């Protein structure tokens, strides 16, 4: 039965599409086009024209040691946050799928964090992990500087990784739980009747069948970790201490809005976009072939 909506006049469909097309053009194509233009020109901070610079902006970016430091930190952050968010989400989804006592309440609470905006999550974790209050203050009294992300770069990196992972844990949990519930119960029950324990069933049946979902979440988590971490960083560490948490996306903001280097920031944004595209291509080229779809 054909359920497609058919309009007698074409302008009605165009009218319905217009708001979405306007949003896409305004917040994606227009900024992308401006960034491409600025990346190859020298933009003056307070207006007044521009000059064609060719590849000079990219040469300055690639010759900056601070930029390569931001690239390395972004890689570390992406791997750490993706592994933590996906690992915990899978663990919680397995618990909820087994329908242990209270799983309905846990299932509801695990979904809520995804509705929290990144800046709000950053503010919450800034207070929760503050070295001068709470649990960490007591630990710092026993062992001075046991936890102090304001002066210790390693602690600051742990803070933003945990905060980001907490926010994206809910997103991963929803997909993992949906994928687990789509596995036929007959397979799990037959394996249990053959004497397989929960860990064995998870390793031999559930994880292989979750491969497509895991691959999808891997691509989404790595991509978002490069572009969606600004809010948490800006509200927790401000890129410090000593640029220990200045990732690529935060360096673009800092150089563009604080240093007023619009052309350099535009060049960095183009490099970030190309890096994300390259990482996505690598994942589809070398990882997706190992995924078996059922």
C-alpha atoms as a PDB file:
ATOM      1  CA  UNK A   1       0.000   0.000   0.000  1.00  0.00           C
ATOM      2  CA  UNK A   2       1.456   3.331  -1.093  1.00  0.00           C
ATOM      3  CA  UNK A   3       1.442   5.847   1.764  1.00  0.00           C
ATOM      4  CA  UNK A   4       3.342   8.640   0.060  1.00  0.00           C
ATOM      5  CA  UNK A   5       1.976  12.172   0.359  1.00  0.00           C
ATOM      6  CA  UNK A   6       1.261  13.709  -3.024  1.00  0.00           C
ATOM      7  CA  UNK A   7       0.657  17.449  -3.484  1.00  0.00           C
ATOM      8  CA  UNK A   8      -1.353  18.776  -6.378  1.00  0.00           C
ATOM      9  CA  UNK A   9       0.855  21.873  -6.645  1.00  0.00           C
ATOM     10  CA  UNK A  10       4.641  21.870  -6.343  1.00  0.00           C
ATOM     11  CA  UNK A  11       4.817  25.115  -4.375  1.00  0.00           C
ATOM     12  CA  UNK A  12       3.304  23.492  -1.245  1.00  0.00           C
ATOM     13  CA  UNK A  13       6.185  21.016  -1.017  1.00  0.00           C
ATOM     14  CA  UNK A  14       8.669  23.805  -1.625  1.00  0.00           C
ATOM     15  CA  UNK A  15       7.032  25.915   1.064  1.00  0.00           C
ATOM     16  CA  UNK A  16       7.336  23.072   3.567  1.00  0.00           C
ATOM     17  CA  UNK A  17      10.999  22.531   2.667  1.00  0.00           C
ATOM     18  CA  UNK A  18      11.901  26.233   2.739  1.00  0.00           C
ATOM     19  CA  UNK A  19      12.458  26.591   6.538  1.00  0.00           C
ATOM     20  CA  UNK A  20      14.773  23.588   6.679  1.00  0.00           C
ATOM     21  CA  UNK A  21      16.680  24.674   3.568  1.00  0.00           C
ATOM     22  CA  UNK A  22      17.021  28.175   5.025  1.00  0.00           C
ATOM     23  CA  UNK A  23      18.450  26.773   8.270  1.00  0.00           C
ATOM     24  CA  UNK A  24      20.922  24.544   6.410  1.00  0.00           C
ATOM     25  CA  UNK A  25      22.057  27.411   4.199  1.00  0.00           C
ATOM     26  CA  UNK A  26      22.333  29.923   7.058  1.00  0.00           C
ATOM     27  CA  UNK A  27      24.127  27.739   9.596  1.00  0.00           C
ATOM     28  CA  UNK A  28      26.122  25.397   7.344  1.00  0.00           C
ATOM     29  CA  UNK A  29      26.716  26.466   3.745  1.00  0.00           C
ATOM     30  CA  UNK A  30      27.114  30.182   4.425  1.00  0.00           C
ATOM     31  CA  UNK A  31      29.635  29.769   7.302  1.00  0.00           C
ATOM     32  CA  UNK A  32      31.485  27.058   5.368  1.00  0.00           C
ATOM     33  CA  UNK A  33      31.745  29.291   2.316  1.00  0.00           C
ATOM     34  CA  UNK A  34      32.934  32.220   4.442  1.00  0.00           C
ATOM     35  CA  UNK A  35      35.554  30.026   6.141  1.00  0.00           C
ATOM     36  CA  UNK A  36      36.835  28.831   2.755  1.00  0.00           C
ATOM     37  CA  UNK A  37      37.103  32.425   1.555  1.00  0.00           C
ATOM     38  CA  UNK A  38      38.784  33.686   4.714  1.00  0.00           C
ATOM     39  CA  UNK A  39      41.247  30.775   4.760  1.00  0.00           C
ATOM     40  CA  UNK A  40      42.825  32.049   1.549  1.00  0.00           C
ATOM     41  CA  UNK A  41      42.723  35.758   2.405  1.00  0.00           C
ATOM     42  CA  UNK A  42      44.109  38.029   5.080  1.00  0.00           C
ATOM     43  CA  UNK A  43      41.133  39.428   6.969  1.00  0.00           C
ATOM     44  CA  UNK A  44      41.572  42.600   9.004  1.00  0.00           C
ATOM     45  CA  UNK A  45      40.275  42.275  12.604  1.00  0.00           C
ATOM     46  CA  UNK A  46      37.983  45.306  12.452  1.00  0.00           C
ATOM     47  CA  UNK A  47      36.969  45.136   8.810  1.00  0.00           C
ATOM     48  CA  UNK A  48      38.211  47.384   6.069  1.00  0.00           C
ATOM     49  CA  UNK A  49      38.820  44.851   3.335  1.00  0.00           C
ATOM     50  CA  UNK A  50      41.022  41.837   2.808  1.00  0.00           C
ATOM     51  CA  UNK A  51      44.015  40.692   0.777  1.00  0.00           C
ATOM     52  CA  UNK A  52      44.563  37.444  -1.071  1.00  0.00           C
ATOM     53  CA  UNK A  53      47.098  35.335   0.846  1.00  0.00           C
ATOM     54  CA  UNK A  54      47.067  32.055  -1.035  1.00  0.00           C
ATOM     55  CA  UNK A  55      48.327  29.213   1.159  1.00  0.00           C
ATOM     56  CA  UNK A  56      50.138  31.482   3.637  1.00  0.00           C
ATOM     57  CA  UNK A  57      47.521  30.910   6.357  1.00  0.00           C
ATOM     58  CA  UNK A  58      47.910  27.151   6.068  1.00  0.00           C
ATOM     59  CA  UNK A  59      51.710  27.445   6.143  1.00  0.00           C
ATOM     60  CA  UNK A  60      51.494  29.445   9.367  1.00  0.00           C
ATOM     61  CA  UNK A  61      49.128  26.889  10.894  1.00  0.00           C
ATOM     62  CA  UNK A  62      51.308  23.891  10.030  1.00  0.00           C
ATOM     63  CA  UNK A  63      54.477  25.628  11.217  1.00  0.00           C
ATOM     64  CA  UNK A  64      52.954  26.406  14.623  1.00  0.00           C
ATOM     65  CA  UNK A  65      54.094  23.917  17.278  1.00  0.00           C
ATOM     66  CA  UNK A  66      51.155  24.912  19.498  1.00  0.00           C
ATOM     67  CA  UNK A  67      48.773  23.804  16.762  1.00  0.00           C
ATOM     68  CA  UNK A  68      50.350  20.352  16.534  1.00  0.00           C
ATOM     69  CA  UNK A  69      50.036  20.109  20.296  1.00  0.00           C
ATOM     70  CA  UNK A  70      46.307  20.810  19.956  1.00  0.00           C
ATOM     71  CA  UNK A  71      46.055  18.116  17.286  1.00  0.00           C
ATOM     72  CA  UNK A  72      47.716  15.553  19.560  1.00  0.00           C
ATOM     73  CA  UNK A  73      45.518  16.473  22.511  1.00  0.00           C
ATOM     74  CA  UNK A  74      42.433  16.238  20.294  1.00  0.00           C
ATOM     75  CA  UNK A  75      43.431  12.702  19.278  1.00  0.00           C
ATOM     76  CA  UNK A  76      43.937  11.692  22.913  1.00  0.00           C
ATOM     77  CA  UNK A  77      40.621  13.247  23.903  1.00  0.00           C
ATOM     78  CA  UNK A  78      38.760  11.556  21.034  1.00  0.00           C
ATOM     79  CA  UNK A  79      40.117   8.097  21.835  1.00  0.00           C
ATOM     80  CA  UNK A  80      39.650   8.437  25.601  1.00  0.00           C
ATOM     81  CA  UNK A  81      36.131   9.874  25.514  1.00  0.00           C
ATOM     82  CA  UNK A  82      34.938   7.449  22.815  1.00  0.00           C
ATOM     83  CA  UNK A  83      36.267   4.400  24.648  1.00  0.00           C
ATOM     84  CA  UNK A  84      34.821   5.509  27.991  1.00  0.00           C
ATOM     85  CA  UNK A  85      31.406   6.578  26.657  1.00  0.00           C
ATOM     86  CA  UNK A  86      30.901   3.513  24.490  1.00  0.00           C
ATOM     87  CA  UNK A  87      32.292   1.061  27.044  1.00  0.00           C
ATOM     88  CA  UNK A  88      30.099   2.241  29.904  1.00  0.00           C
ATOM     89  CA  UNK A  89      27.052   2.557  27.646  1.00  0.00           C
ATOM     90  CA  UNK A  90      27.464  -1.028  26.467  1.00  0.00           C
ATOM     91  CA  UNK A  91      27.877  -2.262  30.031  1.00  0.00           C
ATOM     92  CA  UNK A  92      24.747  -0.462  31.253  1.00  0.00           C
ATOM     93  CA  UNK A  93      22.772  -1.590  28.205  1.00  0.00           C
ATOM     94  CA  UNK A  94      23.698  -5.216  28.911  1.00  0.00           C
ATOM     95  CA  UNK A  95      22.519  -4.841  32.506  1.00  0.00           C
ATOM     96  CA  UNK A  96      19.219  -3.290  31.438  1.00  0.00           C
ATOM     97  CA  UNK A  97      18.717  -5.904  28.745  1.00  0.00           C
ATOM     98  CA  UNK A  98      18.968  -8.636  31.395  1.00  0.00           C
ATOM     99  CA  UNK A  99      16.127  -6.872  33.224  1.00  0.00           C
ATOM    100  CA  UNK A 100      17.749  -6.877  36.631  1.00  0.00           C
ATOM    101  CA  UNK A 101      15.895  -5.414  39.599  1.00  0.00           C
ATOM    102  CA  UNK A 102      15.188  -1.714  39.113  1.00  0.00           C
ATOM    103  CA  UNK A 103      16.227  -1.732  35.448  1.00  0.00           C
ATOM    104  CA  UNK A 104      13.301   0.512  34.436  1.00  0.00           C
ATOM    105  CA  UNK A 105      14.453   3.292  36.737  1.00  0.00           C
ATOM    106  CA  UNK A 106      18.075   2.949  35.630  1.00  0.00           C
ATOM    107  CA  UNK A 107      16.995   2.927  31.998  1.00  0.00           C
ATOM    108  CA  UNK A 108      15.131   6.212  32.440  1.00  0.00           C
ATOM    109  CA  UNK A 109      17.945   7.910  34.358  1.00  0.00           C
ATOM    110  CA  UNK A 110      20.587   6.842  31.835  1.00  0.00           C
ATOM    111  CA  UNK A 111      18.683   8.538  29.018  1.00  0.00           C
ATOM    112  CA  UNK A 112      18.356  11.919  30.752  1.00  0.00           C
ATOM    113  CA  UNK A 113      21.981  13.152  30.401  1.00  0.00           C
ATOM    114  CA  UNK A 114      21.633  13.398  26.631  1.00  0.00           C
ATOM    115  CA  UNK A 115      19.069  16.175  27.092  1.00  0.00           C
ATOM    116  CA  UNK A 116      21.606  18.264  29.055  1.00  0.00           C
ATOM    117  CA  UNK A 117      23.398  20.919  27.008  1.00  0.00           C
ATOM    118  CA  UNK A 118      27.186  20.723  26.885  1.00  0.00           C
ATOM    119  CA  UNK A 119      27.730  24.063  28.718  1.00  0.00           C
ATOM    120  CA  UNK A 120      25.372  22.944  31.504  1.00  0.00           C
ATOM    121  CA  UNK A 121      27.276  19.669  31.805  1.00  0.00           C
ATOM    122  CA  UNK A 122      30.531  21.615  31.941  1.00  0.00           C
ATOM    123  CA  UNK A 123      29.288  23.821  34.783  1.00  0.00           C
ATOM    124  CA  UNK A 124      28.013  20.789  36.723  1.00  0.00           C
ATOM    125  CA  UNK A 125      31.281  18.875  36.431  1.00  0.00           C
ATOM    126  CA  UNK A 126      33.298  21.987  37.242  1.00  0.00           C
ATOM    127  CA  UNK A 127      31.620  22.083  40.661  1.00  0.00           C
ATOM    128  CA  UNK A 128      31.506  18.301  41.150  1.00  0.00           C
ATOM    129  CA  UNK A 129      35.249  17.975  40.496  1.00  0.00           C
ATOM    130  CA  UNK A 130      36.290  21.203  42.208  1.00  0.00           C
ATOM    131  CA  UNK A 131      39.464  20.658  44.292  1.00  0.00           C
ATOM    132  CA  UNK A 132      38.334  23.069  47.023  1.00  0.00           C
ATOM    133  CA  UNK A 133      34.986  21.444  47.822  1.00  0.00           C
ATOM    134  CA  UNK A 134      33.362  18.064  48.205  1.00  0.00           C
ATOM    135  CA  UNK A 135      35.097  14.700  48.124  1.00  0.00           C
ATOM    136  CA  UNK A 136      38.200  15.944  46.365  1.00  0.00           C
ATOM    137  CA  UNK A 137      38.724  18.651  48.978  1.00  0.00           C
ATOM    138  CA  UNK A 138      38.843  15.950  51.656  1.00  0.00           C
ATOM    139  CA  UNK A 139      41.303  13.923  49.583  1.00  0.00           C
ATOM    140  CA  UNK A 140      43.454  16.991  49.012  1.00  0.00           C
ATOM    141  CA  UNK A 141      43.648  17.517  52.780  1.00  0.00           C
ATOM    142  CA  UNK A 142      45.015  14.007  53.169  1.00  0.00           C
ATOM    143  CA  UNK A 143      47.308  14.246  50.168  1.00  0.00           C
ATOM    144  CA  UNK A 144      47.953  17.822  48.926  1.00  0.00           C
ATOM    145  CA  UNK A 145      47.305  18.286  45.198  1.00  0.00           C
ATOM    146  CA  UNK A 146      45.858  14.792  44.904  1.00  0.00           C
ATOM    147  CA  UNK A 147      43.331  16.364  42.510  1.00  0.00           C
ATOM    148  CA  UNK A 148      43.715  19.850  41.096  1.00  0.00           C
ATOM    149  CA  UNK A 149      42.721  20.331  37.442  1.00  0.00           C
ATOM    150  CA  UNK A 150      43.385  24.067  37.703  1.00  0.00           C
ATOM    151  CA  UNK A 151      47.162  23.474  37.863  1.00  0.00           C
ATOM    152  CA  UNK A 152      47.617  19.883  36.685  1.00  0.00           C
ATOM    153  CA  UNK A 153      47.125  19.369  32.961  1.00  0.00           C
ATOM    154  CA  UNK A 154      46.622  15.604  33.270  1.00  0.00           C
ATOM    155  CA  UNK A 155      43.857  16.120  35.815  1.00  0.00           C
ATOM    156  CA  UNK A 156      42.231  18.725  33.557  1.00  0.00           C
ATOM    157  CA  UNK A 157      42.239  16.310  30.616  1.00  0.00           C
ATOM    158  CA  UNK A 158      40.619  13.620  32.779  1.00  0.00           C
ATOM    159  CA  UNK A 159      37.959  16.145  33.808  1.00  0.00           C
ATOM    160  CA  UNK A 160      36.876  17.053  30.272  1.00  0.00           C
ATOM    161  CA  UNK A 161      37.026  13.413  29.114  1.00  0.00           C
ATOM    162  CA  UNK A 162      34.768  12.316  31.985  1.00  0.00           C
ATOM    163  CA  UNK A 163      32.347  15.228  31.475  1.00  0.00           C
ATOM    164  CA  UNK A 164      32.087  14.633  27.740  1.00  0.00           C
ATOM    165  CA  UNK A 165      31.726  10.871  28.169  1.00  0.00           C
ATOM    166  CA  UNK A 166      28.963  11.345  30.731  1.00  0.00           C
ATOM    167  CA  UNK A 167      26.960  13.429  28.254  1.00  0.00           C
ATOM    168  CA  UNK A 168      27.382  11.028  25.331  1.00  0.00           C
ATOM    169  CA  UNK A 169      26.920   7.902  27.421  1.00  0.00           C
ATOM    170  CA  UNK A 170      23.136   8.367  27.143  1.00  0.00           C
ATOM    171  CA  UNK A 171      23.248   8.613  23.346  1.00  0.00           C
ATOM    172  CA  UNK A 172      25.280   5.413  23.072  1.00  0.00           C
ATOM    173  CA  UNK A 173      23.111   3.672  25.676  1.00  0.00           C
ATOM    174  CA  UNK A 174      19.929   4.248  23.654  1.00  0.00           C
ATOM    175  CA  UNK A 175      21.381   2.653  20.528  1.00  0.00           C
ATOM    176  CA  UNK A 176      23.027  -0.247  22.358  1.00  0.00           C
ATOM    177  CA  UNK A 177      19.844  -1.071  24.256  1.00  0.00           C
ATOM    178  CA  UNK A 178      17.741  -0.911  21.083  1.00  0.00           C
ATOM    179  CA  UNK A 179      20.204  -3.194  19.289  1.00  0.00           C
ATOM    180  CA  UNK A 180      20.246  -5.680  22.168  1.00  0.00           C
ATOM    181  CA  UNK A 181      16.458  -5.803  22.286  1.00  0.00           C
ATOM    182  CA  UNK A 182      16.345  -6.504  18.542  1.00  0.00           C
ATOM    183  CA  UNK A 183      18.316  -9.745  19.008  1.00  0.00           C
ATOM    184  CA  UNK A 184      15.878 -12.697  18.914  1.00  0.00           C
ATOM    185  CA  UNK A 185      15.305 -14.028  22.414  1.00  0.00           C
ATOM    186  CA  UNK A 186      15.286 -17.544  20.992  1.00  0.00           C
ATOM    187  CA  UNK A 187      19.050 -17.284  20.390  1.00  0.00           C
ATOM    188  CA  UNK A 188      19.765 -16.214  23.965  1.00  0.00           C
ATOM    189  CA  UNK A 189      17.461 -18.837  25.445  1.00  0.00           C
ATOM    190  CA  UNK A 190      18.892 -21.631  23.283  1.00  0.00           C
ATOM    191  CA  UNK A 191      22.414 -20.664  24.317  1.00  0.00           C
ATOM    192  CA  UNK A 192      21.389 -20.630  27.990  1.00  0.00           C
ATOM    193  CA  UNK A 193      19.851 -24.081  27.627  1.00  0.00           C
ATOM    194  CA  UNK A 194      23.149 -25.319  26.179  1.00  0.00           C
ATOM    195  CA  UNK A 195      24.867 -24.210  29.375  1.00  0.00           C
ATOM    196  CA  UNK A 196      26.422 -20.917  28.284  1.00  0.00           C
ATOM    197  CA  UNK A 197      26.760 -18.338  31.040  1.00  0.00           C
ATOM    198  CA  UNK A 198      25.989 -14.596  30.678  1.00  0.00           C
ATOM    199  CA  UNK A 199      29.577 -13.686  29.739  1.00  0.00           C
ATOM    200  CA  UNK A 200      29.794 -16.457  27.171  1.00  0.00           C
ATOM    201  CA  UNK A 201      26.474 -15.458  25.609  1.00  0.00           C
ATOM    202  CA  UNK A 202      27.576 -11.847  25.489  1.00  0.00           C
ATOM    203  CA  UNK A 203      30.907 -12.679  23.797  1.00  0.00           C
ATOM    204  CA  UNK A 204      29.658 -15.289  21.312  1.00  0.00           C
ATOM    205  CA  UNK A 205      26.175 -13.989  20.446  1.00  0.00           C
ATOM    206  CA  UNK A 206      25.438 -10.435  21.520  1.00  0.00           C
ATOM    207  CA  UNK A 207      28.695  -8.632  20.667  1.00  0.00           C
ATOM    208  CA  UNK A 208      28.968 -10.036  17.107  1.00  0.00           C
ATOM    209  CA  UNK A 209      25.365  -9.046  16.428  1.00  0.00           C
ATOM    210  CA  UNK A 210      26.066  -5.576  17.843  1.00  0.00           C
ATOM    211  CA  UNK A 211      28.907  -4.942  15.374  1.00  0.00           C
ATOM    212  CA  UNK A 212      26.886  -2.677  13.010  1.00  0.00           C
ATOM    213  CA  UNK A 213      25.650  -0.568  15.923  1.00  0.00           C
ATOM    214  CA  UNK A 214      29.132  -0.374  17.425  1.00  0.00           C
ATOM    215  CA  UNK A 215      30.582   0.785  14.111  1.00  0.00           C
ATOM    216  CA  UNK A 216      27.909   3.463  13.718  1.00  0.00           C
ATOM    217  CA  UNK A 217      28.506   4.753  17.247  1.00  0.00           C
ATOM    218  CA  UNK A 218      32.276   4.676  16.742  1.00  0.00           C
ATOM    219  CA  UNK A 219      31.987   6.985  13.726  1.00  0.00           C
ATOM    220  CA  UNK A 220      29.540   9.337  15.482  1.00  0.00           C
ATOM    221  CA  UNK A 221      31.522   9.499  18.745  1.00  0.00           C
ATOM    222  CA  UNK A 222      34.879  10.181  17.122  1.00  0.00           C
ATOM    223  CA  UNK A 223      33.406  12.798  14.801  1.00  0.00           C
ATOM    224  CA  UNK A 224      31.534  14.612  17.568  1.00  0.00           C
ATOM    225  CA  UNK A 225      34.513  14.505  19.937  1.00  0.00           C
ATOM    226  CA  UNK A 226      36.412  16.759  17.532  1.00  0.00           C
ATOM    227  CA  UNK A 227      33.642  19.320  16.981  1.00  0.00           C
ATOM    228  CA  UNK A 228      31.301  19.164  19.983  1.00  0.00           C
ATOM    229  CA  UNK A 229      33.697  19.519  22.908  1.00  0.00           C
ATOM    230  CA  UNK A 230      33.905  23.322  22.961  1.00  0.00           C
ATOM    231  CA  UNK A 231      31.082  23.930  25.452  1.00  0.00           C
ATOM    232  CA  UNK A 232      32.521  21.596  28.077  1.00  0.00           C
ATOM    233  CA  UNK A 233      36.070  22.920  27.704  1.00  0.00           C
ATOM    234  CA  UNK A 234      35.030  26.563  27.837  1.00  0.00           C
ATOM    235  CA  UNK A 235      33.001  26.074  31.023  1.00  0.00           C
ATOM    236  CA  UNK A 236      35.458  23.830  32.871  1.00  0.00           C
ATOM    237  CA  UNK A 237      39.108  24.529  32.036  1.00  0.00           C
ATOM    238  CA  UNK A 238      39.105  27.384  29.458  1.00  0.00           C
ATOM    239  CA  UNK A 239      41.752  25.413  27.589  1.00  0.00           C
ATOM    240  CA  UNK A 240      44.154  25.368  30.532  1.00  0.00           C
ATOM    241  CA  UNK A 241      46.184  24.920  32.520  1.00  0.00           C
ATOM    242  CA  UNK A 242      49.004  25.971  30.190  1.00  0.00           C
ATOM    243  CA  UNK A 243      46.921  24.921  27.153  1.00  0.00           C
ATOM    244  CA  UNK A 244      46.743  21.327  28.427  1.00  0.00           C
ATOM    245  CA  UNK A 245      43.108  21.076  27.304  1.00  0.00           C
ATOM    246  CA  UNK A 246      43.272  23.361  24.270  1.00  0.00           C
ATOM    247  CA  UNK A 247      41.888  21.068  21.598  1.00  0.00           C
ATOM    248  CA  UNK A 248      41.609  21.935  17.904  1.00  0.00           C
ATOM    249  CA  UNK A 249      38.070  23.263  18.156  1.00  0.00           C
ATOM    250  CA  UNK A 250      38.917  25.430  21.169  1.00  0.00           C
ATOM    251  CA  UNK A 251      42.062  26.791  19.485  1.00  0.00           C
ATOM    252  CA  UNK A 252      39.936  27.871  16.540  1.00  0.00           C
ATOM    253  CA  UNK A 253      37.716  29.840  18.912  1.00  0.00           C
ATOM    254  CA  UNK A 254      40.634  31.280  20.889  1.00  0.00           C
ATOM    255  CA  UNK A 255      42.644  32.403  17.854  1.00  0.00           C
ATOM    256  CA  UNK A 256      39.592  33.773  16.073  1.00  0.00           C
ATOM    257  CA  UNK A 257      37.657  35.504  18.848  1.00  0.00           C
ATOM    258  CA  UNK A 258      40.415  36.243  21.350  1.00  0.00           C
ATOM    259  CA  UNK A 259      43.413  36.715  19.072  1.00  0.00           C
ATOM    260  CA  UNK A 260      41.294  38.241  16.247  1.00  0.00           C
ATOM    261  CA  UNK A 261      43.155  36.094  13.716  1.00  0.00           C
ATOM    262  CA  UNK A 262      40.131  35.325  11.576  1.00  0.00           C
ATOM    263  CA  UNK A 263      42.114  34.027   8.620  1.00  0.00           C
ATOM    264  CA  UNK A 264      44.215  31.686  10.724  1.00  0.00           C
ATOM    265  CA  UNK A 265      41.142  30.408  12.554  1.00  0.00           C
ATOM    266  CA  UNK A 266      39.374  29.835   9.227  1.00  0.00           C
ATOM    267  CA  UNK A 267      42.339  27.839   7.949  1.00  0.00           C
ATOM    268  CA  UNK A 268      42.288  25.760  11.136  1.00  0.00           C
ATOM    269  CA  UNK A 269      38.565  25.077  10.692  1.00  0.00           C
ATOM    270  CA  UNK A 270      39.191  23.818   7.157  1.00  0.00           C
ATOM    271  CA  UNK A 271      41.962  21.541   8.422  1.00  0.00           C
ATOM    272  CA  UNK A 272      39.668  20.224  11.166  1.00  0.00           C
ATOM    273  CA  UNK A 273      36.923  19.509   8.634  1.00  0.00           C
ATOM    274  CA  UNK A 274      39.364  17.647   6.370  1.00  0.00           C
ATOM    275  CA  UNK A 275      40.744  15.686   9.343  1.00  0.00           C
ATOM    276  CA  UNK A 276      37.261  14.565  10.390  1.00  0.00           C
ATOM    277  CA  UNK A 277      36.498  13.559   6.812  1.00  0.00           C
ATOM    278  CA  UNK A 278      39.768  11.606   6.593  1.00  0.00           C
ATOM    279  CA  UNK A 279      39.109   9.795   9.873  1.00  0.00           C
ATOM    280  CA  UNK A 280      35.601   8.895   8.707  1.00  0.00           C
ATOM    281  CA  UNK A 281      36.989   7.570   5.417  1.00  0.00           C
ATOM    282  CA  UNK A 282      39.577   5.457   7.264  1.00  0.00           C
ATOM    283  CA  UNK A 283      36.900   3.989   9.506  1.00  0.00           C
ATOM    284  CA  UNK A 284      34.682   3.047   6.561  1.00  0.00           C
ATOM    285  CA  UNK A 285      37.635   1.788   4.524  1.00  0.00           C
ATOM    286  CA  UNK A 286      39.364  -0.383   7.124  1.00  0.00           C
ATOM    287  CA  UNK A 287      36.857  -1.036   9.931  1.00  0.00           C
ATOM    288  CA  UNK A 288      33.509  -1.240   8.176  1.00  0.00           C
ATOM    289  CA  UNK A 289      34.693  -4.227   6.080  1.00  0.00           C
ATOM    290  CA  UNK A 290      35.030  -6.235   9.311  1.00  0.00           C
ATOM    291  CA  UNK A 291      31.420  -5.563  10.267  1.00  0.00           C
ATOM    292  CA  UNK A 292      28.940  -8.290   9.434  1.00  0.00           C
ATOM    293  CA  UNK A 293      25.361  -7.144   8.905  1.00  0.00           C
ATOM    294  CA  UNK A 294      22.604  -9.570   9.734  1.00  0.00           C
END
